Amino acid sequence: MTATPTALPRYFLLLVSAMTALAPFAIDTYLPALPAMASAFDVSLVVINASVSTYLLGFGIGQLIGGPISDQIGRRPVGLFGLCLFIVGSFAITFADSANMVVALRPLQALGGGCVSAICMAMVRDSYSPTEAAKRFPIVTLVMLAAPLLAPVVGTLLLPLGWQWIFVFLAAYAAVMFVLFLNLGETHNLRSGKIDVSRFLPQYLEVLCRRVDGRLLPLRYLLTSGLVSSALMVFLTNSAFIYLEYFDVGATLFPIYFGANVLTMMVFTLITARVVRHTQPFKIFTIGRLAQLTAVSVLALTTLATPTNLWLFAPALALVIGCTGLVGPSISGLYLANFSKLAGSAGALSSMATFGFGGILGALSGVLYDGTLRPVALIMLAAIVAANLIARTIPAPRDWSDEAIEAAQERG
């Protein structure tokens, strides 16, 4: 049984959104400081960039652990533990005396962030019916997107005090979330009340093998979502190189160029939030992925010229990232509609797919680094082409109602 919206506090969606924003804050706030950190540790920017990839991979592991545990004992204890771990990891990084130590400590911080993120969308799915939850996912995404828009500005303002203060800010942000989350009740009413590690793999297998009308549709949504969203992760991993090193826009203008991508994504998410009230999520998902495919094709073409033109590359990149605002919330609703009891595990797998693909492809862009933007653009293109090929095998739902969704799950 799910909680009713009337039983939830008014700030519920805002708090869930703010907790979801922990991950982009942890990544984007220190992006303007990467050159300064590289200089302070006397290493190249590529070396300190590895701390972004290790965070993404550590975050994915935190999701894998936190998701199934939250299905077993509830969302609240997992969220509180994750916030505590994130705070400890953030403070530990402030004492790092080498780039390798930063790279090594980031997964600790990420494990906590992953546990927190694992419960957020699951809490929304716990609290609303499938169709109502689908209408609220864009709202959560929209509020959450304020983080990557504000984060580089915060990082730029704190940088003169020393890069360590950026991680002090992250610890303080998590501490505020901890205090607010203490006052929120448990949303998962189907929990068993005890941790059974032996059930982790069966829970994930049940999610991966869940059939709808005899087909592995949730798995196809999962793979499509991870590949589409990996474009955003590849951008985050390489944003410092793109704007600060290749185009040399400077630390002052970096938040503006970076924020343009996030602002575009917010606009598309706002469109999704309005349109989803009277349009099936599958139609928005289809339009969004095709638009993103077109945009990333243009992006790849702009990199054929050397040097790449900033005024051609930047708008194309903004459209690629922006289309995630159409695809992401829509596919979350379509995917999580198939789960109630295992929403935590399903949500964890979804984020793991995003950050796993993103971490691997982001690291691959470093391996293929040739001083140009071609590796970044071509990796994005390959991921989105693969996503569209998988998405073409997913049929449109004939009936998008709570009764039809439940009946399809029962039929398997």
Protein backbone atom coordinates (compact mmCIF):
# COMPACT_ATOMS: atom_id res chain seq x y z
CA MET A 1 0.00 0.00 0.00
CA THR A 2 1.30 3.50 -0.80
CA ALA A 3 0.92 6.54 1.36
CA THR A 4 -1.63 9.08 0.28
CA PRO A 5 -0.45 12.53 -0.81
CA THR A 6 -2.57 14.14 1.93
CA ALA A 7 -0.52 12.28 4.58
CA LEU A 8 2.69 13.87 3.37
CA PRO A 9 4.09 17.17 4.66
CA ARG A 10 3.89 20.13 2.30
CA TYR A 11 7.66 20.26 1.94
CA PHE A 12 7.92 16.57 0.95
CA LEU A 13 8.70 17.05 -2.76
CA LEU A 14 11.02 19.98 -2.02
CA LEU A 15 13.02 17.92 0.50
CA VAL A 16 13.21 14.90 -1.82
CA SER A 17 14.40 17.22 -4.62
CA ALA A 18 17.02 18.81 -2.36
CA MET A 19 18.29 15.38 -1.34
CA THR A 20 18.45 14.30 -4.97
CA ALA A 21 20.48 17.45 -5.62
CA LEU A 22 23.23 16.20 -3.30
CA ALA A 23 24.87 14.32 -6.18
CA PRO A 24 25.08 17.24 -8.65
CA PHE A 25 26.25 19.54 -5.85
CA ALA A 26 29.02 17.05 -5.00
CA ILE A 27 30.17 17.07 -8.63
CA ASP A 28 29.48 20.54 -9.95
CA THR A 29 30.49 22.72 -6.99
CA TYR A 30 34.16 21.82 -7.26
CA LEU A 31 34.43 21.83 -11.07
CA PRO A 32 35.67 25.47 -11.16
CA ALA A 33 38.35 24.49 -8.63
CA LEU A 34 39.82 21.60 -10.65
CA PRO A 35 42.58 23.69 -12.31
CA ALA A 36 43.48 25.23 -8.93
CA MET A 37 43.53 21.78 -7.30
CA ALA A 38 45.70 20.42 -10.10
CA SER A 39 48.11 23.32 -9.61
CA ALA A 40 48.13 22.92 -5.82
CA PHE A 41 48.98 19.22 -6.10
CA ASP A 42 51.34 19.78 -9.06
CA VAL A 43 49.51 17.36 -11.36
CA SER A 44 47.80 17.66 -14.74
CA LEU A 45 44.09 18.45 -15.03
CA VAL A 46 43.50 14.94 -16.43
CA VAL A 47 44.82 13.42 -13.17
CA ILE A 48 42.54 15.44 -10.89
CA ASN A 49 39.67 14.86 -13.34
CA ALA A 50 39.80 11.22 -12.27
CA SER A 51 38.15 12.29 -9.00
CA VAL A 52 34.97 12.94 -11.00
CA SER A 53 34.97 9.43 -12.45
CA THR A 54 35.73 7.79 -9.07
CA TYR A 55 32.84 9.72 -7.56
CA LEU A 56 30.47 8.52 -10.28
CA LEU A 57 31.50 4.90 -9.81
CA GLY A 58 31.39 5.13 -6.00
CA PHE A 59 27.99 6.76 -6.23
CA GLY A 60 26.75 3.85 -8.31
CA ILE A 61 27.98 1.35 -5.72
CA GLY A 62 26.20 3.33 -2.99
CA GLN A 63 23.02 3.09 -5.01
CA LEU A 64 23.39 -0.66 -5.39
CA ILE A 65 23.77 -1.09 -1.64
CA GLY A 66 21.25 1.51 -0.50
CA GLY A 67 18.42 0.56 -2.85
CA PRO A 68 17.79 -3.04 -1.71
CA ILE A 69 18.43 -2.21 1.94
CA SER A 70 15.79 0.52 1.77
CA ASP A 71 13.34 -2.03 0.34
CA GLN A 72 14.03 -4.24 3.37
CA ILE A 73 14.24 -1.83 6.33
CA GLY A 74 12.78 1.39 4.95
CA ARG A 75 13.95 4.60 3.28
CA ARG A 76 14.54 6.60 6.48
CA PRO A 77 17.48 4.70 8.07
CA VAL A 78 19.25 4.38 4.71
CA GLY A 79 18.89 8.11 4.07
CA LEU A 80 20.21 9.08 7.51
CA PHE A 81 23.19 6.73 7.22
CA GLY A 82 24.01 8.02 3.74
CA LEU A 83 23.93 11.64 4.83
CA CYS A 84 26.26 10.89 7.77
CA LEU A 85 28.73 9.09 5.48
CA PHE A 86 28.63 11.94 2.98
CA ILE A 87 29.41 14.47 5.72
CA VAL A 88 32.38 12.42 6.98
CA GLY A 89 33.72 11.93 3.44
CA SER A 90 33.42 15.64 2.62
CA PHE A 91 35.35 16.69 5.72
CA ALA A 92 38.02 14.03 5.10
CA ILE A 93 38.74 15.46 1.63
CA THR A 94 39.54 18.88 3.14
CA PHE A 95 42.61 17.28 4.77
CA ALA A 96 43.89 15.64 1.55
CA ASP A 97 47.53 16.45 0.79
CA SER A 98 47.71 14.88 -2.69
CA ALA A 99 45.62 14.40 -5.79
CA ASN A 100 45.68 10.65 -5.25
CA MET A 101 44.17 11.10 -1.79
CA VAL A 102 41.34 13.20 -3.23
CA VAL A 103 40.72 10.56 -5.89
CA ALA A 104 40.74 7.85 -3.19
CA LEU A 105 38.44 9.70 -0.76
CA ARG A 106 35.81 10.71 -3.27
CA PRO A 107 34.25 7.20 -3.38
CA LEU A 108 33.67 7.39 0.40
CA GLN A 109 31.75 10.60 -0.05
CA ALA A 110 30.02 9.08 -3.07
CA LEU A 111 28.88 5.96 -1.18
CA GLY A 112 26.92 8.19 1.17
CA GLY A 113 25.52 10.24 -1.67
CA GLY A 114 24.51 7.07 -3.49
CA CYS A 115 22.57 5.77 -0.48
CA VAL A 116 20.71 9.08 -0.25
CA SER A 117 19.92 9.25 -3.94
CA ALA A 118 18.77 5.61 -3.98
CA ILE A 119 15.76 6.39 -1.80
CA CYS A 120 14.56 9.65 -3.35
CA MET A 121 12.60 8.51 -6.40
CA ALA A 122 11.53 5.40 -4.45
CA MET A 123 9.96 7.67 -1.81
CA VAL A 124 7.93 9.39 -4.53
CA ARG A 125 6.87 6.02 -5.93
CA ASP A 126 5.95 4.88 -2.38
CA SER A 127 3.75 7.87 -1.82
CA TYR A 128 1.74 8.13 -5.04
CA SER A 129 -0.01 5.89 -7.56
CA PRO A 130 1.95 5.14 -10.78
CA THR A 131 0.21 7.82 -12.85
CA GLU A 132 0.41 10.45 -10.07
CA ALA A 133 4.07 9.62 -9.45
CA ALA A 134 4.81 10.07 -13.16
CA LYS A 135 3.39 13.59 -12.95
CA ARG A 136 5.62 14.45 -9.99
CA PHE A 137 8.94 13.11 -11.26
CA PRO A 138 9.42 16.17 -13.53
CA ILE A 139 8.77 18.44 -10.54
CA VAL A 140 11.45 16.68 -8.50
CA THR A 141 13.82 16.83 -11.46
CA LEU A 142 13.12 20.52 -12.04
CA VAL A 143 13.91 21.52 -8.45
CA MET A 144 16.93 19.23 -8.38
CA LEU A 145 18.34 20.89 -11.51
CA ALA A 146 18.79 24.13 -9.62
CA ALA A 147 21.82 22.46 -8.03
CA PRO A 148 24.06 22.18 -11.12
CA LEU A 149 22.97 25.69 -12.10
CA LEU A 150 23.97 27.17 -8.74
CA ALA A 151 26.81 24.81 -7.83
CA PRO A 152 29.55 26.25 -10.10
CA VAL A 153 28.64 29.76 -8.90
CA VAL A 154 29.00 28.63 -5.28
CA GLY A 155 32.29 26.94 -6.13
CA THR A 156 33.61 30.06 -7.86
CA LEU A 157 32.67 32.25 -4.87
CA LEU A 158 34.31 29.88 -2.37
CA LEU A 159 37.46 29.25 -4.43
CA PRO A 160 39.31 32.41 -3.25
CA LEU A 161 39.04 31.03 0.31
CA GLY A 162 40.70 27.79 -0.77
CA TRP A 163 39.36 24.73 -2.58
CA GLN A 164 38.86 22.98 0.79
CA TRP A 165 35.97 25.32 1.62
CA ILE A 166 33.98 23.85 -1.24
CA PHE A 167 33.92 20.51 0.58
CA VAL A 168 33.10 22.24 3.87
CA PHE A 169 30.06 23.68 2.08
CA LEU A 170 29.07 20.20 0.84
CA ALA A 171 29.29 18.82 4.38
CA ALA A 172 27.15 21.69 5.69
CA TYR A 173 24.54 21.15 2.95
CA ALA A 174 24.29 17.46 3.86
CA ALA A 175 23.99 18.37 7.55
CA VAL A 176 20.98 20.59 6.81
CA MET A 177 19.36 17.75 4.85
CA PHE A 178 20.02 15.42 7.80
CA VAL A 179 18.18 17.69 10.24
CA LEU A 180 15.18 18.14 7.91
CA PHE A 181 15.02 14.44 7.06
CA LEU A 182 14.87 13.55 10.76
CA ASN A 183 11.38 15.06 10.87
CA LEU A 184 10.08 13.05 7.89
CA GLY A 185 8.30 9.76 8.52
CA GLU A 186 8.80 6.45 6.74
CA THR A 187 7.13 6.15 3.31
CA HIS A 188 7.76 2.46 2.62
CA ASN A 189 4.98 0.41 4.20
CA LEU A 190 5.97 -2.95 2.61
CA ARG A 191 9.36 -3.31 4.31
CA SER A 192 10.35 -6.50 6.15
CA GLY A 193 12.21 -4.69 8.94
CA LYS A 194 15.52 -6.55 8.74
CA ILE A 195 18.56 -6.53 6.48
CA ASP A 196 19.10 -9.71 4.50
CA VAL A 197 22.19 -9.36 2.32
CA SER A 198 21.43 -12.69 0.68
CA ARG A 199 18.30 -11.07 -0.79
CA PHE A 200 20.19 -8.29 -2.60
CA LEU A 201 20.93 -10.30 -5.72
CA PRO A 202 17.47 -11.92 -5.92
CA GLN A 203 15.88 -8.46 -5.56
CA TYR A 204 17.94 -7.09 -8.41
CA LEU A 205 17.33 -10.16 -10.53
CA GLU A 206 13.61 -9.79 -9.92
CA VAL A 207 13.79 -6.20 -11.17
CA LEU A 208 15.91 -7.11 -14.20
CA CYS A 209 13.72 -10.09 -15.08
CA ARG A 210 10.39 -8.36 -14.47
CA ARG A 211 8.19 -8.97 -17.48
CA VAL A 212 5.27 -6.85 -18.63
CA ASP A 213 2.91 -8.64 -21.00
CA GLY A 214 5.58 -11.32 -21.37
CA ARG A 215 8.39 -8.93 -22.37
CA LEU A 216 11.41 -7.54 -20.49
CA LEU A 217 10.22 -3.96 -20.94
CA PRO A 218 11.59 -2.60 -17.60
CA LEU A 219 15.09 -3.82 -18.57
CA ARG A 220 14.84 -2.04 -21.92
CA TYR A 221 13.76 1.16 -20.18
CA LEU A 222 16.68 0.74 -17.78
CA LEU A 223 19.30 0.41 -20.52
CA THR A 224 17.81 3.23 -22.57
CA SER A 225 17.71 5.54 -19.56
CA GLY A 226 21.31 4.81 -18.60
CA LEU A 227 22.63 5.43 -22.11
CA VAL A 228 20.63 8.62 -22.65
CA SER A 229 21.66 10.06 -19.28
CA SER A 230 25.31 9.07 -19.74
CA ALA A 231 25.64 12.01 -22.15
CA LEU A 232 25.10 14.30 -19.17
CA MET A 233 27.67 12.38 -17.12
CA VAL A 234 30.25 12.58 -19.92
CA PHE A 235 29.67 16.32 -20.09
CA LEU A 236 30.12 16.70 -16.32
CA THR A 237 33.35 14.72 -16.42
CA ASN A 238 34.77 16.84 -19.24
CA SER A 239 33.21 20.26 -18.59
CA ALA A 240 36.36 21.69 -17.03
CA PHE A 241 38.42 20.57 -20.02
CA ILE A 242 35.83 21.81 -22.52
CA TYR A 243 35.38 25.33 -21.15
CA LEU A 244 38.43 26.04 -19.00
CA GLU A 245 41.17 24.39 -21.06
CA TYR A 246 40.00 23.95 -24.66
CA PHE A 247 37.94 27.15 -25.04
CA ASP A 248 39.76 28.94 -22.20
CA VAL A 249 36.72 30.97 -21.11
CA GLY A 250 38.17 31.58 -17.63
CA ALA A 251 36.91 30.67 -14.16
CA THR A 252 34.61 33.72 -14.03
CA LEU A 253 32.69 32.83 -17.20
CA PHE A 254 32.77 29.08 -16.57
CA PRO A 255 29.56 29.08 -14.46
CA ILE A 256 27.74 30.92 -17.26
CA TYR A 257 28.71 28.47 -19.99
CA PHE A 258 28.17 25.51 -17.69
CA GLY A 259 24.87 26.90 -16.43
CA ALA A 260 23.54 27.39 -19.97
CA ASN A 261 23.44 23.61 -20.36
CA VAL A 262 21.62 23.14 -17.07
CA LEU A 263 19.23 26.01 -17.78
CA THR A 264 18.31 24.41 -21.10
CA MET A 265 17.66 21.14 -19.29
CA MET A 266 15.48 22.96 -16.75
CA VAL A 267 13.41 24.53 -19.55
CA PHE A 268 12.84 21.13 -21.16
CA THR A 269 11.98 19.60 -17.78
CA LEU A 270 9.48 22.39 -17.13
CA ILE A 271 7.91 21.64 -20.50
CA THR A 272 7.70 17.97 -19.50
CA ALA A 273 6.09 18.86 -16.16
CA ARG A 274 3.35 20.78 -17.96
CA VAL A 275 2.80 18.47 -20.93
CA VAL A 276 2.73 15.24 -18.89
CA ARG A 277 -0.55 16.34 -17.30
CA HIS A 278 -2.40 15.60 -20.53
CA THR A 279 0.10 13.59 -22.63
CA GLN A 280 1.31 10.05 -22.06
CA PRO A 281 4.94 9.89 -20.85
CA PHE A 282 5.81 7.50 -23.69
CA LYS A 283 5.07 10.12 -26.33
CA ILE A 284 7.26 12.69 -24.53
CA PHE A 285 9.98 10.05 -24.19
CA THR A 286 9.87 9.30 -27.94
CA ILE A 287 10.03 12.95 -28.99
CA GLY A 288 12.80 13.67 -26.49
CA ARG A 289 15.13 10.85 -27.52
CA LEU A 290 14.77 11.63 -31.22
CA ALA A 291 15.45 15.32 -30.59
CA GLN A 292 18.53 14.40 -28.56
CA LEU A 293 19.77 12.11 -31.35
CA THR A 294 19.49 14.99 -33.82
CA ALA A 295 21.28 17.40 -31.49
CA VAL A 296 24.19 15.05 -30.73
CA SER A 297 24.65 14.38 -34.44
CA VAL A 298 25.05 18.13 -34.99
CA LEU A 299 27.42 18.29 -32.00
CA ALA A 300 29.66 15.60 -33.50
CA LEU A 301 29.75 17.45 -36.83
CA THR A 302 30.92 20.67 -35.15
CA THR A 303 34.04 18.89 -33.84
CA LEU A 304 35.26 18.00 -37.34
CA ALA A 305 36.69 21.50 -37.64
CA THR A 306 39.93 22.23 -35.76
CA PRO A 307 39.79 24.31 -33.69
CA THR A 308 36.12 23.74 -32.89
CA ASN A 309 33.98 26.88 -32.95
CA LEU A 310 32.64 27.72 -29.45
CA TRP A 311 29.51 29.40 -30.86
CA LEU A 312 28.55 26.24 -32.77
CA PHE A 313 29.61 23.68 -30.19
CA ALA A 314 28.06 25.31 -27.10
CA PRO A 315 24.44 25.58 -28.41
CA ALA A 316 24.54 22.02 -29.79
CA LEU A 317 25.85 20.72 -26.47
CA ALA A 318 23.13 22.63 -24.58
CA LEU A 319 20.45 20.95 -26.72
CA VAL A 320 21.94 17.49 -26.12
CA ILE A 321 21.95 18.05 -22.36
CA GLY A 322 18.61 19.86 -22.46
CA CYS A 323 16.81 16.94 -24.11
CA THR A 324 17.62 14.88 -21.03
CA GLY A 325 14.92 16.98 -19.37
CA LEU A 326 12.40 15.47 -21.78
CA VAL A 327 13.64 11.89 -21.67
CA GLY A 328 14.70 11.50 -18.01
CA PRO A 329 11.48 12.28 -16.09
CA SER A 330 9.33 10.51 -18.70
CA ILE A 331 11.33 7.31 -18.62
CA SER A 332 11.45 7.37 -14.81
CA GLY A 333 7.66 7.30 -14.73
CA LEU A 334 7.43 4.55 -17.34
CA TYR A 335 10.09 2.42 -15.64
CA LEU A 336 9.12 2.78 -11.95
CA ALA A 337 5.43 2.29 -12.72
CA ASN A 338 6.28 -1.41 -12.94
CA PHE A 339 7.45 -1.59 -9.31
CA SER A 340 5.97 -0.89 -5.90
CA LYS A 341 7.57 -3.19 -3.32
CA LEU A 342 10.96 -3.09 -5.07
CA ALA A 343 10.99 0.60 -6.00
CA GLY A 344 14.23 1.13 -4.07
CA SER A 345 16.07 -1.63 -5.91
CA ALA A 346 14.59 -0.54 -9.24
CA GLY A 347 15.53 3.09 -8.64
CA ALA A 348 19.05 2.08 -7.57
CA LEU A 349 19.54 0.10 -10.77
CA SER A 350 18.33 3.06 -12.80
CA SER A 351 20.83 5.43 -11.18
CA MET A 352 23.54 2.80 -11.33
CA ALA A 353 22.96 2.51 -15.06
CA THR A 354 23.28 6.28 -15.42
CA PHE A 355 26.36 6.72 -13.25
CA GLY A 356 27.88 3.39 -14.31
CA PHE A 357 27.61 4.18 -18.02
CA GLY A 358 28.59 7.78 -17.27
CA GLY A 359 31.63 6.81 -15.21
CA ILE A 360 32.88 4.28 -17.77
CA LEU A 361 32.27 6.53 -20.78
CA GLY A 362 33.70 9.54 -18.92
CA ALA A 363 36.86 7.55 -18.14
CA LEU A 364 36.97 6.37 -21.77
CA SER A 365 36.96 9.99 -22.94
CA GLY A 366 40.10 10.48 -20.83
CA VAL A 367 41.76 7.41 -22.34
CA LEU A 368 40.95 8.65 -25.86
CA TYR A 369 42.04 12.21 -25.06
CA ASP A 370 43.76 13.76 -28.08
CA GLY A 371 43.53 17.45 -27.25
CA THR A 372 40.32 17.91 -29.25
CA LEU A 373 36.61 17.61 -28.45
CA ARG A 374 36.04 14.72 -30.85
CA PRO A 375 36.33 11.91 -28.27
CA VAL A 376 33.73 13.61 -26.04
CA ALA A 377 31.25 14.22 -28.87
CA LEU A 378 31.68 10.82 -30.50
CA ILE A 379 31.24 8.97 -27.19
CA MET A 380 28.01 10.90 -26.58
CA LEU A 381 26.86 10.10 -30.11
CA ALA A 382 27.55 6.37 -29.71
CA ALA A 383 25.66 6.23 -26.40
CA ILE A 384 22.58 8.01 -27.72
CA VAL A 385 22.49 5.99 -30.94
CA ALA A 386 22.58 2.79 -28.85
CA ALA A 387 19.80 4.16 -26.62
CA ASN A 388 17.57 4.86 -29.60
CA LEU A 389 18.15 1.40 -31.07
CA ILE A 390 17.01 -0.20 -27.80
CA ALA A 391 14.08 2.21 -27.43
CA ARG A 392 12.76 1.21 -30.85
CA THR A 393 12.04 -2.26 -29.42
CA ILE A 394 9.74 -0.84 -26.71
CA PRO A 395 6.05 -0.69 -27.71
CA ALA A 396 3.88 2.21 -26.62
CA PRO A 397 1.55 1.37 -23.70
CA ARG A 398 -1.97 0.80 -24.95
CA ASP A 399 -3.48 2.09 -21.72
CA TRP A 400 -1.73 4.40 -19.23
CA SER A 401 -3.96 4.00 -16.19
CA ASP A 402 -3.24 2.61 -12.73
CA GLU A 403 -5.57 -0.34 -13.34
CA ALA A 404 -3.92 -1.20 -16.69
CA ILE A 405 -0.43 -0.96 -15.20
CA GLU A 406 -1.34 -3.28 -12.31
CA ALA A 407 -3.03 -5.75 -14.68
CA ALA A 408 0.04 -5.85 -16.95
CA GLN A 409 2.29 -6.57 -13.96
CA GLU A 410 0.03 -9.43 -12.86
CA ARG A 411 0.12 -10.93 -16.35
CA GLY A 412 3.95 -10.76 -16.28
